[in-house]
């Protein structure tokens, strides 16, 4: 099961990449990288969902993507720091970590 969660983590990293790419892509190369990140994030999420609950893996995936995107926008692109936004991200991450810790592996239909 740890392997499946690692795949969700990797999918979340690619999600952060494509979300930022959609906002900041400015030439063919960056658009191609954005498209590749979209494909990889979705493909990896599908792979992980074969062993994990789809709802939980998707919630963790989107939570990581949301938190990571907001944090990187602040750190790398000068988005204004907002304490309320950070508190809400921490609340979101608390829920994501909670979901991850209570989710057990199951055998999907394709296994």
N, C-alpha and C. Protein backbone atom coordinates (compact mmCIF):
# COMPACT_ATOMS: atom_id res chain seq x y z
N UNK A 1 0.82 -1.19 0.00
CA UNK A 1 0.00 0.00 0.00
C UNK A 1 0.87 1.25 0.00
N UNK A 2 2.02 1.20 0.62
CA UNK A 2 2.90 2.36 0.65
C UNK A 2 3.26 2.78 -0.77
N UNK A 3 3.45 1.81 -1.64
CA UNK A 3 3.78 2.12 -3.04
C UNK A 3 2.65 2.93 -3.68
N UNK A 4 1.42 2.56 -3.41
CA UNK A 4 0.28 3.27 -3.98
C UNK A 4 0.23 4.71 -3.48
N UNK A 5 0.52 4.93 -2.19
CA UNK A 5 0.53 6.30 -1.67
C UNK A 5 1.68 7.10 -2.27
N UNK A 6 2.81 6.45 -2.52
CA UNK A 6 3.92 7.14 -3.18
C UNK A 6 3.53 7.57 -4.60
N UNK A 7 2.74 6.74 -5.26
CA UNK A 7 2.26 7.08 -6.60
C UNK A 7 1.31 8.28 -6.53
N UNK A 8 0.45 8.31 -5.51
CA UNK A 8 -0.44 9.46 -5.33
C UNK A 8 0.39 10.72 -5.07
N UNK A 9 1.44 10.61 -4.27
CA UNK A 9 2.32 11.75 -4.01
C UNK A 9 2.94 12.26 -5.31
N UNK A 10 3.44 11.36 -6.12
CA UNK A 10 4.04 11.74 -7.40
C UNK A 10 2.99 12.38 -8.32
N UNK A 11 1.79 11.81 -8.34
CA UNK A 11 0.71 12.39 -9.14
C UNK A 11 0.39 13.80 -8.67
N UNK A 12 0.39 14.02 -7.36
CA UNK A 12 0.14 15.35 -6.81
C UNK A 12 1.21 16.35 -7.20
N UNK A 13 2.45 15.91 -7.26
CA UNK A 13 3.54 16.79 -7.69
C UNK A 13 3.34 17.20 -9.15
N UNK A 14 2.98 16.24 -9.99
CA UNK A 14 2.70 16.59 -11.39
C UNK A 14 1.48 17.49 -11.50
N UNK A 15 0.50 17.31 -10.61
CA UNK A 15 -0.67 18.20 -10.64
C UNK A 15 -0.26 19.63 -10.34
N UNK A 16 0.58 19.81 -9.34
CA UNK A 16 1.07 21.16 -9.03
C UNK A 16 1.76 21.75 -10.25
N UNK A 17 2.56 20.92 -10.92
CA UNK A 17 3.27 21.39 -12.12
C UNK A 17 2.34 21.84 -13.23
N UNK A 18 1.28 21.06 -13.49
CA UNK A 18 0.42 21.46 -14.60
C UNK A 18 -0.48 22.64 -14.25
N UNK A 19 -0.88 22.76 -12.98
CA UNK A 19 -1.70 23.90 -12.60
C UNK A 19 -0.89 25.19 -12.74
N UNK A 20 0.34 25.16 -12.26
CA UNK A 20 1.21 26.33 -12.41
C UNK A 20 1.52 26.56 -13.89
N UNK A 21 1.70 25.47 -14.63
CA UNK A 21 1.95 25.58 -16.07
C UNK A 21 0.81 26.25 -16.81
N UNK A 22 -0.43 25.95 -16.43
CA UNK A 22 -1.57 26.59 -17.10
C UNK A 22 -1.54 28.10 -16.93
N UNK A 23 -1.06 28.55 -15.79
CA UNK A 23 -1.03 29.99 -15.54
C UNK A 23 0.19 30.67 -16.16
N UNK A 24 1.31 29.98 -16.17
CA UNK A 24 2.57 30.64 -16.52
C UNK A 24 3.18 30.19 -17.85
N UNK A 25 2.59 29.22 -18.53
CA UNK A 25 3.15 28.77 -19.81
C UNK A 25 3.09 29.91 -20.82
N UNK A 26 4.20 30.08 -21.54
CA UNK A 26 4.25 31.22 -22.46
C UNK A 26 4.79 30.87 -23.85
N UNK A 27 5.18 29.62 -24.04
CA UNK A 27 5.67 29.21 -25.36
C UNK A 27 5.33 27.74 -25.58
N UNK A 28 5.63 27.24 -26.74
CA UNK A 28 5.28 25.87 -27.09
C UNK A 28 5.91 24.87 -26.12
N UNK A 29 7.15 25.08 -25.76
CA UNK A 29 7.84 24.15 -24.86
C UNK A 29 7.17 24.04 -23.50
N UNK A 30 6.80 25.18 -22.92
CA UNK A 30 6.15 25.13 -21.60
C UNK A 30 4.73 24.57 -21.70
N UNK A 31 4.07 24.79 -22.84
CA UNK A 31 2.74 24.18 -23.03
C UNK A 31 2.85 22.67 -23.18
N UNK A 32 3.89 22.21 -23.86
CA UNK A 32 4.09 20.76 -24.00
C UNK A 32 4.38 20.14 -22.63
N UNK A 33 5.23 20.78 -21.85
CA UNK A 33 5.51 20.27 -20.50
C UNK A 33 4.24 20.25 -19.64
N UNK A 34 3.41 21.27 -19.78
CA UNK A 34 2.15 21.31 -19.05
C UNK A 34 1.26 20.13 -19.46
N UNK A 35 1.16 19.88 -20.74
CA UNK A 35 0.34 18.76 -21.23
C UNK A 35 0.88 17.42 -20.73
N UNK A 36 2.18 17.26 -20.73
CA UNK A 36 2.79 16.03 -20.21
C UNK A 36 2.48 15.87 -18.73
N UNK A 37 2.56 16.96 -17.96
CA UNK A 37 2.26 16.90 -16.53
C UNK A 37 0.80 16.53 -16.29
N UNK A 38 -0.12 17.06 -17.13
CA UNK A 38 -1.54 16.70 -17.00
C UNK A 38 -1.70 15.19 -17.21
N UNK A 39 -1.11 14.69 -18.28
CA UNK A 39 -1.23 13.26 -18.57
C UNK A 39 -0.65 12.42 -17.42
N UNK A 40 0.56 12.74 -16.98
CA UNK A 40 1.21 11.94 -15.94
C UNK A 40 0.44 11.99 -14.62
N UNK A 41 -0.07 13.16 -14.26
CA UNK A 41 -0.80 13.24 -12.99
C UNK A 41 -2.05 12.37 -13.01
N UNK A 42 -2.80 12.43 -14.11
CA UNK A 42 -4.03 11.62 -14.20
C UNK A 42 -3.71 10.14 -14.31
N UNK A 43 -2.71 9.80 -15.11
CA UNK A 43 -2.33 8.40 -15.29
C UNK A 43 -1.86 7.78 -13.96
N UNK A 44 -1.04 8.50 -13.24
CA UNK A 44 -0.55 8.00 -11.95
C UNK A 44 -1.68 7.87 -10.94
N UNK A 45 -2.62 8.81 -10.95
CA UNK A 45 -3.76 8.72 -10.05
C UNK A 45 -4.60 7.48 -10.35
N UNK A 46 -4.79 7.18 -11.62
CA UNK A 46 -5.53 5.98 -12.02
C UNK A 46 -4.81 4.72 -11.52
N UNK A 47 -3.50 4.68 -11.68
CA UNK A 47 -2.72 3.52 -11.21
C UNK A 47 -2.87 3.35 -9.69
N UNK A 48 -2.74 4.44 -8.95
CA UNK A 48 -2.84 4.36 -7.49
C UNK A 48 -4.24 3.95 -7.06
N UNK A 49 -5.25 4.37 -7.81
CA UNK A 49 -6.64 4.08 -7.44
C UNK A 49 -7.01 2.61 -7.63
N UNK A 50 -6.15 1.86 -8.26
CA UNK A 50 -6.40 0.42 -8.39
C UNK A 50 -6.27 -0.28 -7.04
N UNK A 51 -5.45 0.27 -6.15
CA UNK A 51 -5.23 -0.35 -4.84
C UNK A 51 -5.81 0.47 -3.70
N UNK A 52 -6.12 1.73 -3.94
CA UNK A 52 -6.66 2.60 -2.90
C UNK A 52 -8.09 3.00 -3.25
N UNK A 53 -8.81 3.42 -2.26
CA UNK A 53 -10.15 3.95 -2.48
C UNK A 53 -10.06 5.16 -3.41
N UNK A 54 -10.89 5.19 -4.44
CA UNK A 54 -10.86 6.28 -5.42
C UNK A 54 -11.16 7.61 -4.73
N UNK A 55 -12.17 7.64 -3.89
CA UNK A 55 -12.53 8.89 -3.23
C UNK A 55 -11.42 9.44 -2.36
N UNK A 56 -10.79 8.57 -1.59
CA UNK A 56 -9.72 9.00 -0.70
C UNK A 56 -8.48 9.40 -1.49
N UNK A 57 -8.11 8.59 -2.48
CA UNK A 57 -6.91 8.94 -3.25
C UNK A 57 -7.12 10.25 -4.01
N UNK A 58 -8.32 10.48 -4.53
CA UNK A 58 -8.59 11.73 -5.23
C UNK A 58 -8.58 12.92 -4.27
N UNK A 59 -9.13 12.74 -3.07
CA UNK A 59 -9.12 13.81 -2.08
C UNK A 59 -7.69 14.17 -1.68
N UNK A 60 -6.85 13.17 -1.47
CA UNK A 60 -5.46 13.42 -1.12
C UNK A 60 -4.75 14.10 -2.29
N UNK A 61 -4.98 13.62 -3.48
CA UNK A 61 -4.38 14.18 -4.71
C UNK A 61 -4.74 15.66 -4.86
N UNK A 62 -6.01 15.99 -4.77
CA UNK A 62 -6.42 17.38 -4.96
C UNK A 62 -6.00 18.26 -3.79
N UNK A 63 -6.00 17.71 -2.59
CA UNK A 63 -5.53 18.48 -1.43
C UNK A 63 -4.07 18.84 -1.55
N UNK A 64 -3.26 17.86 -1.96
CA UNK A 64 -1.84 18.13 -2.17
C UNK A 64 -1.65 19.15 -3.28
N UNK A 65 -2.40 18.99 -4.34
CA UNK A 65 -2.28 19.92 -5.46
C UNK A 65 -2.65 21.33 -5.08
N UNK A 66 -3.74 21.48 -4.34
CA UNK A 66 -4.18 22.80 -3.91
C UNK A 66 -3.16 23.45 -2.98
N UNK A 67 -2.75 22.73 -1.96
CA UNK A 67 -1.79 23.27 -1.00
C UNK A 67 -0.47 23.59 -1.67
N UNK A 68 0.03 22.67 -2.47
CA UNK A 68 1.31 22.89 -3.14
C UNK A 68 1.28 24.06 -4.10
N UNK A 69 0.19 24.19 -4.84
CA UNK A 69 0.07 25.29 -5.79
C UNK A 69 0.04 26.63 -5.08
N UNK A 70 -0.74 26.74 -4.03
CA UNK A 70 -0.81 28.00 -3.29
C UNK A 70 0.53 28.35 -2.68
N UNK A 71 1.19 27.38 -2.07
CA UNK A 71 2.49 27.64 -1.44
C UNK A 71 3.52 28.05 -2.48
N UNK A 72 3.59 27.34 -3.61
CA UNK A 72 4.56 27.70 -4.65
C UNK A 72 4.25 29.05 -5.28
N UNK A 73 2.99 29.39 -5.43
CA UNK A 73 2.64 30.71 -5.96
C UNK A 73 3.14 31.81 -5.03
N UNK A 74 3.06 31.59 -3.72
CA UNK A 74 3.57 32.58 -2.76
C UNK A 74 5.08 32.64 -2.81
N UNK A 75 5.74 31.48 -2.78
CA UNK A 75 7.19 31.42 -2.69
C UNK A 75 7.87 31.82 -4.00
N UNK A 76 7.39 31.31 -5.13
CA UNK A 76 8.08 31.52 -6.40
C UNK A 76 7.57 32.70 -7.23
N UNK A 77 6.30 33.02 -7.09
CA UNK A 77 5.71 33.99 -8.01
C UNK A 77 5.16 35.24 -7.32
N UNK A 78 5.48 35.43 -6.05
CA UNK A 78 5.16 36.67 -5.37
C UNK A 78 3.69 36.91 -5.06
N UNK A 79 2.88 35.84 -5.00
CA UNK A 79 1.49 36.01 -4.56
C UNK A 79 1.52 36.58 -3.15
N UNK A 80 0.60 37.46 -2.81
CA UNK A 80 0.60 38.01 -1.45
C UNK A 80 0.36 36.94 -0.39
N UNK A 81 1.09 37.03 0.69
CA UNK A 81 0.92 36.12 1.83
C UNK A 81 -0.35 36.51 2.56
N UNK A 82 -1.17 35.52 2.87
CA UNK A 82 -2.43 35.76 3.57
C UNK A 82 -2.54 34.70 4.66
N UNK A 83 -2.52 35.14 5.92
CA UNK A 83 -2.53 34.21 7.04
C UNK A 83 -3.77 33.31 7.03
N UNK A 84 -4.91 33.86 6.68
CA UNK A 84 -6.13 33.06 6.64
C UNK A 84 -6.00 31.96 5.60
N UNK A 85 -5.42 32.29 4.46
CA UNK A 85 -5.22 31.29 3.41
C UNK A 85 -4.32 30.15 3.91
N UNK A 86 -3.26 30.49 4.63
CA UNK A 86 -2.35 29.48 5.17
C UNK A 86 -3.05 28.61 6.21
N UNK A 87 -3.86 29.22 7.07
CA UNK A 87 -4.60 28.46 8.07
C UNK A 87 -5.56 27.49 7.39
N UNK A 88 -6.23 27.94 6.34
CA UNK A 88 -7.15 27.06 5.62
C UNK A 88 -6.41 25.92 4.92
N UNK A 89 -5.24 26.20 4.39
CA UNK A 89 -4.43 25.14 3.78
C UNK A 89 -4.03 24.12 4.83
N UNK A 90 -3.64 24.58 6.01
CA UNK A 90 -3.28 23.66 7.09
C UNK A 90 -4.48 22.80 7.50
N UNK A 91 -5.65 23.39 7.51
CA UNK A 91 -6.87 22.63 7.80
C UNK A 91 -7.12 21.58 6.72
N UNK A 92 -6.94 21.98 5.46
CA UNK A 92 -7.09 21.04 4.35
C UNK A 92 -6.09 19.90 4.47
N UNK A 93 -4.84 20.22 4.75
CA UNK A 93 -3.81 19.18 4.88
C UNK A 93 -4.10 18.25 6.05
N UNK A 94 -4.66 18.79 7.12
CA UNK A 94 -5.03 17.95 8.26
C UNK A 94 -6.07 16.91 7.83
N UNK A 95 -7.05 17.33 7.06
CA UNK A 95 -8.05 16.40 6.54
C UNK A 95 -7.46 15.37 5.61
N UNK A 96 -6.55 15.81 4.74
CA UNK A 96 -5.90 14.89 3.80
C UNK A 96 -5.07 13.86 4.55
N UNK A 97 -4.30 14.29 5.52
CA UNK A 97 -3.49 13.36 6.30
C UNK A 97 -4.39 12.39 7.07
N UNK A 98 -5.48 12.91 7.61
CA UNK A 98 -6.44 12.04 8.31
C UNK A 98 -7.01 10.98 7.40
N UNK A 99 -7.41 11.36 6.19
CA UNK A 99 -7.93 10.39 5.22
C UNK A 99 -6.88 9.33 4.89
N UNK A 100 -5.66 9.78 4.69
CA UNK A 100 -4.60 8.85 4.34
C UNK A 100 -4.36 7.84 5.46
N UNK A 101 -4.39 8.29 6.69
CA UNK A 101 -4.07 7.38 7.79
C UNK A 101 -5.16 6.36 8.07
N UNK A 102 -6.42 6.65 7.71
CA UNK A 102 -7.48 5.69 8.00
C UNK A 102 -7.84 4.82 6.81
N UNK A 103 -7.23 5.08 5.65
CA UNK A 103 -7.57 4.31 4.44
C UNK A 103 -6.77 3.02 4.41
N UNK A 104 -7.46 1.94 4.08
CA UNK A 104 -6.81 0.66 3.94
C UNK A 104 -6.79 0.25 2.48
N UNK A 105 -5.88 -0.63 2.16
CA UNK A 105 -5.77 -1.13 0.79
C UNK A 105 -6.92 -2.09 0.52
N UNK A 106 -7.36 -2.11 -0.72
CA UNK A 106 -8.39 -3.07 -1.11
C UNK A 106 -8.06 -3.59 -2.50
N UNK A 107 -8.63 -4.72 -2.82
CA UNK A 107 -8.44 -5.28 -4.13
C UNK A 107 -9.53 -4.76 -5.06
N UNK A 108 -9.15 -3.97 -6.04
CA UNK A 108 -10.11 -3.45 -6.99
C UNK A 108 -10.57 -4.52 -7.95
N UNK A 109 -11.53 -4.19 -8.82
CA UNK A 109 -12.07 -5.16 -9.78
C UNK A 109 -11.01 -5.69 -10.72
N UNK A 110 -10.05 -4.83 -11.07
CA UNK A 110 -9.04 -5.25 -12.04
C UNK A 110 -7.92 -6.07 -11.43
N UNK A 111 -7.93 -6.30 -10.12
CA UNK A 111 -6.81 -7.01 -9.49
C UNK A 111 -7.05 -8.48 -9.40
